[in-house]
Amino acid sequence: CLGCITKSKTKDHHTNVNNKRICKEGPVFDAKEVM
């Protein structure tokens, strides 16, 4: 649903924009990847 998006420094392959889905790519991220 793309309802839990966080801005990221790299493009998401799912949306091709600088977003990451917290429920899918996260909830754990490398801090350097999150804006």
PDB file of all heavy atoms in Angstrom:
ATOM      1  N   CYS A   1       0.801  -1.231   0.000  1.00  0.00           N
ATOM      2  CA  CYS A   1       0.000   0.000   0.000  1.00  0.00           C
ATOM      3  C   CYS A   1       0.833   1.280   0.000  1.00  0.00           C
ATOM      4  O   CYS A   1       0.300   2.361  -0.224  1.00  0.00           O
ATOM      5  CB  CYS A   1      -0.935   0.006   1.210  1.00  0.00           C
ATOM      6  SG  CYS A   1      -0.095   0.264   2.792  1.00  0.00           S
ATOM      7  N   LEU A   2       2.126   1.184   0.242  1.00  0.00           N
ATOM      8  CA  LEU A   2       3.032   2.340   0.279  1.00  0.00           C
ATOM      9  C   LEU A   2       2.602   3.365   1.336  1.00  0.00           C
ATOM     10  O   LEU A   2       2.842   4.561   1.197  1.00  0.00           O
ATOM     11  CB  LEU A   2       3.111   3.018  -1.102  1.00  0.00           C
ATOM     12  CG  LEU A   2       3.504   2.113  -2.276  1.00  0.00           C
ATOM     13  CD1 LEU A   2       3.588   2.935  -3.557  1.00  0.00           C
ATOM     14  CD2 LEU A   2       4.806   1.399  -2.012  1.00  0.00           C
ATOM     15  N   GLY A   3       1.996   2.888   2.420  1.00  0.00           N
ATOM     16  CA  GLY A   3       1.520   3.788   3.460  1.00  0.00           C
ATOM     17  C   GLY A   3       2.546   4.112   4.530  1.00  0.00           C
ATOM     18  O   GLY A   3       2.318   4.989   5.353  1.00  0.00           O
ATOM     19  N   CYS A   4       3.687   3.409   4.523  1.00  0.00           N
ATOM     20  CA  CYS A   4       4.690   3.626   5.581  1.00  0.00           C
ATOM     21  C   CYS A   4       6.047   3.919   4.938  1.00  0.00           C
ATOM     22  O   CYS A   4       6.999   3.157   5.073  1.00  0.00           O
ATOM     23  CB  CYS A   4       4.772   2.413   6.508  1.00  0.00           C
ATOM     24  SG  CYS A   4       5.182   0.862   5.669  1.00  0.00           S
ATOM     25  N   ILE A   5       6.119   5.032   4.254  1.00  0.00           N
ATOM     26  CA  ILE A   5       7.302   5.400   3.476  1.00  0.00           C
ATOM     27  C   ILE A   5       8.238   6.275   4.297  1.00  0.00           C
ATOM     28  O   ILE A   5       7.810   7.148   5.044  1.00  0.00           O
ATOM     29  CB  ILE A   5       6.878   6.153   2.194  1.00  0.00           C
ATOM     30  CG1 ILE A   5       6.086   5.222   1.264  1.00  0.00           C
ATOM     31  CG2 ILE A   5       8.084   6.734   1.479  1.00  0.00           C
ATOM     32  CD1 ILE A   5       6.869   4.048   0.742  1.00  0.00           C
ATOM     33  N   THR A   6       9.534   6.048   4.139  1.00  0.00           N
ATOM     34  CA  THR A   6      10.538   6.957   4.670  1.00  0.00           C
ATOM     35  C   THR A   6      11.446   7.394   3.530  1.00  0.00           C
ATOM     36  O   THR A   6      11.677   6.633   2.585  1.00  0.00           O
ATOM     37  CB  THR A   6      11.367   6.303   5.788  1.00  0.00           C
ATOM     38  OG1 THR A   6      12.240   7.277   6.374  1.00  0.00           O
ATOM     39  CG2 THR A   6      12.206   5.138   5.274  1.00  0.00           C
ATOM     40  N   LYS A   7      11.919   8.604   3.579  1.00  0.00           N
ATOM     41  CA  LYS A   7      12.830   9.102   2.553  1.00  0.00           C
ATOM     42  C   LYS A   7      14.190   8.436   2.705  1.00  0.00           C
ATOM     43  O   LYS A   7      14.691   8.263   3.811  1.00  0.00           O
ATOM     44  CB  LYS A   7      12.995  10.623   2.662  1.00  0.00           C
ATOM     45  CG  LYS A   7      11.746  11.407   2.303  1.00  0.00           C
ATOM     46  CD  LYS A   7      11.406  11.248   0.824  1.00  0.00           C
ATOM     47  CE  LYS A   7      10.197  12.074   0.442  1.00  0.00           C
ATOM     48  NZ  LYS A   7       9.838  11.877  -0.986  1.00  0.00           N
ATOM     49  N   SER A   8      14.769   8.072   1.568  1.00  0.00           N
ATOM     50  CA  SER A   8      16.052   7.378   1.588  1.00  0.00           C
ATOM     51  C   SER A   8      17.025   8.025   0.613  1.00  0.00           C
ATOM     52  O   SER A   8      16.631   8.756  -0.301  1.00  0.00           O
ATOM     53  CB  SER A   8      15.868   5.901   1.215  1.00  0.00           C
ATOM     54  OG  SER A   8      15.347   5.780  -0.101  1.00  0.00           O
ATOM     55  N   LYS A   9      18.305   7.733   0.804  1.00  0.00           N
ATOM     56  CA  LYS A   9      19.340   8.313  -0.047  1.00  0.00           C
ATOM     57  C   LYS A   9      19.501   7.548  -1.353  1.00  0.00           C
ATOM     58  O   LYS A   9      20.092   8.053  -2.296  1.00  0.00           O
ATOM     59  CB  LYS A   9      20.665   8.364   0.719  1.00  0.00           C
ATOM     60  CG  LYS A   9      20.614   9.303   1.920  1.00  0.00           C
ATOM     61  CD  LYS A   9      21.926   9.333   2.678  1.00  0.00           C
ATOM     62  CE  LYS A   9      21.817  10.246   3.898  1.00  0.00           C
ATOM     63  NZ  LYS A   9      23.074  10.254   4.703  1.00  0.00           N
ATOM     64  N   THR A  10      18.981   6.323  -1.392  1.00  0.00           N
ATOM     65  CA  THR A  10      19.040   5.525  -2.620  1.00  0.00           C
ATOM     66  C   THR A  10      17.626   5.301  -3.133  1.00  0.00           C
ATOM     67  O   THR A  10      16.653   5.383  -2.379  1.00  0.00           O
ATOM     68  CB  THR A  10      19.722   4.171  -2.364  1.00  0.00           C
ATOM     69  OG1 THR A  10      19.001   3.465  -1.346  1.00  0.00           O
ATOM     70  CG2 THR A  10      21.159   4.362  -1.924  1.00  0.00           C
ATOM     71  N   LYS A  11      17.520   5.001  -4.411  1.00  0.00           N
ATOM     72  CA  LYS A  11      16.205   4.785  -5.015  1.00  0.00           C
ATOM     73  C   LYS A  11      15.673   3.395  -4.664  1.00  0.00           C
ATOM     74  O   LYS A  11      16.422   2.423  -4.605  1.00  0.00           O
ATOM     75  CB  LYS A  11      16.283   4.950  -6.531  1.00  0.00           C
ATOM     76  CG  LYS A  11      16.516   6.386  -6.979  1.00  0.00           C
ATOM     77  CD  LYS A  11      16.376   6.513  -8.483  1.00  0.00           C
ATOM     78  CE  LYS A  11      16.672   7.940  -8.954  1.00  0.00           C
ATOM     79  NZ  LYS A  11      15.731   8.912  -8.381  1.00  0.00           N
ATOM     80  N   ASP A  12      14.367   3.344  -4.456  1.00  0.00           N
ATOM     81  CA  ASP A  12      13.682   2.090  -4.187  1.00  0.00           C
ATOM     82  C   ASP A  12      13.382   1.415  -5.527  1.00  0.00           C
ATOM     83  O   ASP A  12      12.816   2.029  -6.433  1.00  0.00           O
ATOM     84  CB  ASP A  12      12.387   2.388  -3.422  1.00  0.00           C
ATOM     85  CG  ASP A  12      11.531   1.155  -3.244  1.00  0.00           C
ATOM     86  OD1 ASP A  12      12.087   0.048  -3.239  1.00  0.00           O
ATOM     87  OD2 ASP A  12      10.306   1.318  -3.099  1.00  0.00           O
ATOM     88  N   HIS A  13      13.752   0.151  -5.663  1.00  0.00           N
ATOM     89  CA  HIS A  13      13.509  -0.570  -6.918  1.00  0.00           C
ATOM     90  C   HIS A  13      12.020  -0.753  -7.186  1.00  0.00           C
ATOM     91  O   HIS A  13      11.615  -0.960  -8.330  1.00  0.00           O
ATOM     92  CB  HIS A  13      14.207  -1.931  -6.876  1.00  0.00           C
ATOM     93  CG  HIS A  13      15.697  -1.845  -6.774  1.00  0.00           C
ATOM     94  ND1 HIS A  13      16.478  -1.205  -7.726  1.00  0.00           N
ATOM     95  CD2 HIS A  13      16.562  -2.296  -5.838  1.00  0.00           C
ATOM     96  CE1 HIS A  13      17.750  -1.278  -7.379  1.00  0.00           C
ATOM     97  NE2 HIS A  13      17.833  -1.929  -6.234  1.00  0.00           N
ATOM     98  N   HIS A  14      11.211  -0.660  -6.138  1.00  0.00           N
ATOM     99  CA  HIS A  14       9.773  -0.856  -6.294  1.00  0.00           C
ATOM    100  C   HIS A  14       9.105   0.377  -6.904  1.00  0.00           C
ATOM    101  O   HIS A  14       8.227   0.259  -7.757  1.00  0.00           O
ATOM    102  CB  HIS A  14       9.152  -1.177  -4.930  1.00  0.00           C
ATOM    103  CG  HIS A  14       7.688  -1.458  -4.973  1.00  0.00           C
ATOM    104  ND1 HIS A  14       7.169  -2.636  -5.444  1.00  0.00           N
ATOM    105  CD2 HIS A  14       6.616  -0.700  -4.595  1.00  0.00           C
ATOM    106  CE1 HIS A  14       5.853  -2.601  -5.360  1.00  0.00           C
ATOM    107  NE2 HIS A  14       5.490  -1.445  -4.849  1.00  0.00           N
ATOM    108  N   THR A  15       9.546   1.561  -6.485  1.00  0.00           N
ATOM    109  CA  THR A  15       8.906   2.802  -6.938  1.00  0.00           C
ATOM    110  C   THR A  15       9.807   3.673  -7.809  1.00  0.00           C
ATOM    111  O   THR A  15       9.351   4.631  -8.400  1.00  0.00           O
ATOM    112  CB  THR A  15       8.463   3.635  -5.726  1.00  0.00           C
ATOM    113  OG1 THR A  15       9.625   3.952  -4.939  1.00  0.00           O
ATOM    114  CG2 THR A  15       7.477   2.865  -4.860  1.00  0.00           C
ATOM    115  N   ASN A  16      11.108   3.358  -7.828  1.00  0.00           N
ATOM    116  CA  ASN A  16      12.110   4.119  -8.575  1.00  0.00           C
ATOM    117  C   ASN A  16      12.220   5.566  -8.110  1.00  0.00           C
ATOM    118  O   ASN A  16      12.543   6.462  -8.877  1.00  0.00           O
ATOM    119  CB  ASN A  16      11.831   4.076 -10.089  1.00  0.00           C
ATOM    120  CG  ASN A  16      13.078   4.400 -10.899  1.00  0.00           C
ATOM    121  OD1 ASN A  16      14.195   4.046 -10.514  1.00  0.00           O
ATOM    122  ND2 ASN A  16      12.906   5.090 -12.020  1.00  0.00           N
ATOM    123  N   VAL A  17      11.921   5.804  -6.853  1.00  0.00           N
ATOM    124  CA  VAL A  17      12.118   7.116  -6.233  1.00  0.00           C
ATOM    125  C   VAL A  17      12.871   6.896  -4.922  1.00  0.00           C
ATOM    126  O   VAL A  17      13.110   5.776  -4.504  1.00  0.00           O
ATOM    127  CB  VAL A  17      10.783   7.849  -5.976  1.00  0.00           C
ATOM    128  CG1 VAL A  17      10.110   8.202  -7.279  1.00  0.00           C
ATOM    129  CG2 VAL A  17       9.852   7.014  -5.105  1.00  0.00           C
ATOM    130  N   ASN A  18      13.225   8.017  -4.283  1.00  0.00           N
ATOM    131  CA  ASN A  18      14.024   7.910  -3.054  1.00  0.00           C
ATOM    132  C   ASN A  18      13.131   7.648  -1.839  1.00  0.00           C
ATOM    133  O   ASN A  18      13.045   8.446  -0.908  1.00  0.00           O
ATOM    134  CB  ASN A  18      14.851   9.185  -2.848  1.00  0.00           C
ATOM    135  CG  ASN A  18      15.951   9.296  -3.886  1.00  0.00           C
ATOM    136  OD1 ASN A  18      15.705   9.717  -5.016  1.00  0.00           O
ATOM    137  ND2 ASN A  18      17.150   8.906  -3.501  1.00  0.00           N
ATOM    138  N   ASN A  19      12.479   6.512  -1.874  1.00  0.00           N
ATOM    139  CA  ASN A  19      11.611   6.081  -0.789  1.00  0.00           C
ATOM    140  C   ASN A  19      11.938   4.645  -0.405  1.00  0.00           C
ATOM    141  O   ASN A  19      12.378   3.845  -1.247  1.00  0.00           O
ATOM    142  CB  ASN A  19      10.126   6.108  -1.201  1.00  0.00           C
ATOM    143  CG  ASN A  19       9.576   7.508  -1.305  1.00  0.00           C
ATOM    144  OD1 ASN A  19      10.075   8.427  -0.657  1.00  0.00           O
ATOM    145  ND2 ASN A  19       8.548   7.679  -2.114  1.00  0.00           N
ATOM    146  N   LYS A  20      11.717   4.310   0.853  1.00  0.00           N
ATOM    147  CA  LYS A  20      11.794   2.929   1.309  1.00  0.00           C
ATOM    148  C   LYS A  20      10.522   2.622   2.091  1.00  0.00           C
ATOM    149  O   LYS A  20      10.018   3.466   2.841  1.00  0.00           O
ATOM    150  CB  LYS A  20      13.007   2.704   2.223  1.00  0.00           C
ATOM    151  CG  LYS A  20      14.353   2.958   1.562  1.00  0.00           C
ATOM    152  CD  LYS A  20      14.717   1.873   0.568  1.00  0.00           C
ATOM    153  CE  LYS A  20      16.136   2.083   0.033  1.00  0.00           C
ATOM    154  NZ  LYS A  20      16.493   1.096  -1.001  1.00  0.00           N
ATOM    155  N   ARG A  21      10.017   1.411   1.923  1.00  0.00           N
ATOM    156  CA  ARG A  21       8.840   0.970   2.670  1.00  0.00           C
ATOM    157  C   ARG A  21       9.315   0.408   4.010  1.00  0.00           C
ATOM    158  O   ARG A  21      10.052  -0.573   4.046  1.00  0.00           O
ATOM    159  CB  ARG A  21       8.087  -0.084   1.871  1.00  0.00           C
ATOM    160  CG  ARG A  21       7.531   0.417   0.544  1.00  0.00           C
ATOM    161  CD  ARG A  21       7.109  -0.717  -0.358  1.00  0.00           C
ATOM    162  NE  ARG A  21       8.267  -1.505  -0.790  1.00  0.00           N
ATOM    163  CZ  ARG A  21       8.183  -2.611  -1.525  1.00  0.00           C
ATOM    164  NH1 ARG A  21       7.007  -3.060  -1.897  1.00  0.00           N
ATOM    165  NH2 ARG A  21       9.274  -3.264  -1.875  1.00  0.00           N
ATOM    166  N   ILE A  22       8.861   1.019   5.097  1.00  0.00           N
ATOM    167  CA  ILE A  22       9.335   0.602   6.418  1.00  0.00           C
ATOM    168  C   ILE A  22       8.930  -0.836   6.707  1.00  0.00           C
ATOM    169  O   ILE A  22       9.698  -1.599   7.288  1.00  0.00           O
ATOM    170  CB  ILE A  22       8.814   1.566   7.505  1.00  0.00           C
ATOM    171  CG1 ILE A  22       9.498   2.936   7.327  1.00  0.00           C
ATOM    172  CG2 ILE A  22       9.071   1.024   8.903  1.00  0.00           C
ATOM    173  CD1 ILE A  22       8.987   4.011   8.248  1.00  0.00           C
ATOM    174  N   CYS A  23       7.737  -1.244   6.272  1.00  0.00           N
ATOM    175  CA  CYS A  23       7.280  -2.599   6.568  1.00  0.00           C
ATOM    176  C   CYS A  23       7.995  -3.651   5.732  1.00  0.00           C
ATOM    177  O   CYS A  23       8.013  -4.831   6.102  1.00  0.00           O
ATOM    178  CB  CYS A  23       5.771  -2.717   6.367  1.00  0.00           C
ATOM    179  SG  CYS A  23       5.248  -2.657   4.632  1.00  0.00           S
ATOM    180  N   LYS A  24       8.582  -3.261   4.614  1.00  0.00           N
ATOM    181  CA  LYS A  24       9.160  -4.235   3.679  1.00  0.00           C
ATOM    182  C   LYS A  24      10.681  -4.159   3.666  1.00  0.00           C
ATOM    183  O   LYS A  24      11.366  -5.140   3.965  1.00  0.00           O
ATOM    184  CB  LYS A  24       8.609  -3.978   2.276  1.00  0.00           C
ATOM    185  CG  LYS A  24       8.965  -5.054   1.269  1.00  0.00           C
ATOM    186  CD  LYS A  24       8.209  -6.333   1.530  1.00  0.00           C
ATOM    187  CE  LYS A  24       8.454  -7.358   0.411  1.00  0.00           C
ATOM    188  NZ  LYS A  24       7.749  -8.633   0.698  1.00  0.00           N
ATOM    189  N   GLU A  25      11.248  -3.003   3.267  1.00  0.00           N
ATOM    190  CA  GLU A  25      12.704  -2.857   3.288  1.00  0.00           C
ATOM    191  C   GLU A  25      13.224  -2.715   4.718  1.00  0.00           C
ATOM    192  O   GLU A  25      14.360  -3.033   5.013  1.00  0.00           O
ATOM    193  CB  GLU A  25      13.150  -1.663   2.456  1.00  0.00           C
ATOM    194  CG  GLU A  25      13.102  -1.882   0.944  1.00  0.00           C
ATOM    195  CD  GLU A  25      11.721  -1.768   0.346  1.00  0.00           C
ATOM    196  OE1 GLU A  25      10.957  -0.876   0.765  1.00  0.00           O
ATOM    197  OE2 GLU A  25      11.394  -2.590  -0.536  1.00  0.00           O
ATOM    198  N   GLY A  26      12.367  -2.234   5.605  1.00  0.00           N
ATOM    199  CA  GLY A  26      12.696  -2.108   7.024  1.00  0.00           C
ATOM    200  C   GLY A  26      11.979  -3.183   7.807  1.00  0.00           C
ATOM    201  O   GLY A  26      11.652  -4.230   7.239  1.00  0.00           O
ATOM    202  N   PRO A  27      11.684  -2.940   9.085  1.00  0.00           N
ATOM    203  CA  PRO A  27      11.826  -1.651   9.763  1.00  0.00           C
ATOM    204  C   PRO A  27      13.257  -1.264  10.128  1.00  0.00           C
ATOM    205  O   PRO A  27      13.511  -0.138  10.512  1.00  0.00           O
ATOM    206  CB  PRO A  27      10.978  -1.834  11.031  1.00  0.00           C
ATOM    207  CG  PRO A  27      11.015  -3.291  11.297  1.00  0.00           C
ATOM    208  CD  PRO A  27      11.022  -3.949   9.946  1.00  0.00           C
ATOM    209  N   VAL A  28      14.205  -2.238   9.975  1.00  0.00           N
ATOM    210  CA  VAL A  28      15.589  -1.931  10.332  1.00  0.00           C
ATOM    211  C   VAL A  28      16.350  -1.459   9.095  1.00  0.00           C
ATOM    212  O   VAL A  28      16.346  -2.124   8.053  1.00  0.00           O
ATOM    213  CB  VAL A  28      16.292  -3.153  10.951  1.00  0.00           C
ATOM    214  CG1 VAL A  28      17.748  -2.817  11.284  1.00  0.00           C
ATOM    215  CG2 VAL A  28      15.560  -3.615  12.211  1.00  0.00           C
ATOM    216  N   PHE A  29      17.005  -0.304   9.230  1.00  0.00           N
ATOM    217  CA  PHE A  29      17.797   0.280   8.147  1.00  0.00           C
ATOM    218  C   PHE A  29      19.192   0.642   8.667  1.00  0.00           C
ATOM    219  O   PHE A  29      19.374   0.910   9.859  1.00  0.00           O
ATOM    220  CB  PHE A  29      17.154   1.567   7.627  1.00  0.00           C
ATOM    221  CG  PHE A  29      15.823   1.395   6.974  1.00  0.00           C
ATOM    222  CD1 PHE A  29      14.649   1.532   7.696  1.00  0.00           C
ATOM    223  CD2 PHE A  29      15.726   1.099   5.609  1.00  0.00           C
ATOM    224  CE1 PHE A  29      13.413   1.378   7.106  1.00  0.00           C
ATOM    225  CE2 PHE A  29      14.494   0.937   5.000  1.00  0.00           C
ATOM    226  CZ  PHE A  29      13.326   1.087   5.742  1.00  0.00           C
ATOM    227  N   ASP A  30      20.133   0.705   7.745  1.00  0.00           N
ATOM    228  CA  ASP A  30      21.406   1.358   8.030  1.00  0.00           C
ATOM    229  C   ASP A  30      21.101   2.855   8.150  1.00  0.00           C
ATOM    230  O   ASP A  30      20.468   3.446   7.275  1.00  0.00           O
ATOM    231  CB  ASP A  30      22.375   1.105   6.871  1.00  0.00           C
ATOM    232  CG  ASP A  30      23.766   1.678   7.122  1.00  0.00           C
ATOM    233  OD1 ASP A  30      23.882   2.737   7.765  1.00  0.00           O
ATOM    234  OD2 ASP A  30      24.737   1.076   6.657  1.00  0.00           O
ATOM    235  N   ALA A  31      21.533   3.462   9.244  1.00  0.00           N
ATOM    236  CA  ALA A  31      21.216   4.871   9.484  1.00  0.00           C
ATOM    237  C   ALA A  31      21.689   5.771   8.356  1.00  0.00           C
ATOM    238  O   ALA A  31      21.106   6.837   8.132  1.00  0.00           O
ATOM    239  CB  ALA A  31      21.810   5.319  10.812  1.00  0.00           C
ATOM    240  N   LYS A  32      22.732   5.376   7.650  1.00  0.00           N
ATOM    241  CA  LYS A  32      23.246   6.185   6.556  1.00  0.00           C
ATOM    242  C   LYS A  32      22.311   6.225   5.359  1.00  0.00           C
ATOM    243  O   LYS A  32      22.447   7.092   4.498  1.00  0.00           O
ATOM    244  CB  LYS A  32      24.622   5.667   6.116  1.00  0.00           C
ATOM    245  CG  LYS A  32      25.727   5.889   7.122  1.00  0.00           C
ATOM    246  CD  LYS A  32      27.077   5.447   6.547  1.00  0.00           C
ATOM    247  CE  LYS A  32      28.232   5.816   7.459  1.00  0.00           C
ATOM    248  NZ  LYS A  32      28.189   5.101   8.740  1.00  0.00           N
ATOM    249  N   GLU A  33      21.351   5.295   5.313  1.00  0.00           N
ATOM    250  CA  GLU A  33      20.435   5.224   4.183  1.00  0.00           C
ATOM    251  C   GLU A  33      19.184   6.078   4.355  1.00  0.00           C
ATOM    252  O   GLU A  33      18.460   6.334   3.400  1.00  0.00           O
ATOM    253  CB  GLU A  33      20.014   3.760   3.947  1.00  0.00           C
ATOM    254  CG  GLU A  33      21.116   2.884   3.395  1.00  0.00           C
ATOM    255  CD  GLU A  33      21.577   3.356   2.017  1.00  0.00           C
ATOM    256  OE1 GLU A  33      20.707   3.568   1.145  1.00  0.00           O
ATOM    257  OE2 GLU A  33      22.778   3.530   1.831  1.00  0.00           O
ATOM    258  N   VAL A  34      18.913   6.507   5.583  1.00  0.00           N
ATOM    259  CA  VAL A  34      17.672   7.200   5.896  1.00  0.00           C
ATOM    260  C   VAL A  34      17.881   8.705   5.899  1.00  0.00           C
ATOM    261  O   VAL A  34      18.878   9.214   6.424  1.00  0.00           O
ATOM    262  CB  VAL A  34      17.135   6.747   7.270  1.00  0.00           C
ATOM    263  CG1 VAL A  34      15.867   7.506   7.620  1.00  0.00           C
ATOM    264  CG2 VAL A  34      16.879   5.251   7.266  1.00  0.00           C
ATOM    265  N   MET A  35      16.932   9.430   5.308  1.00  0.00           N
ATOM    266  CA  MET A  35      16.960  10.890   5.321  1.00  0.00           C
ATOM    267  C   MET A  35      15.978  11.380   6.380  1.00  0.00           C
ATOM    268  O   MET A  35      14.768  11.210   6.245  1.00  0.00           O
ATOM    269  CB  MET A  35      16.590  11.456   3.949  1.00  0.00           C
ATOM    270  CG  MET A  35      17.586  11.081   2.850  1.00  0.00           C
ATOM    271  SD  MET A  35      17.087  11.681   1.210  1.00  0.00           S
ATOM    272  CE  MET A  35      17.184  13.446   1.458  1.00  0.00           C
TER     273      MET A  35
END
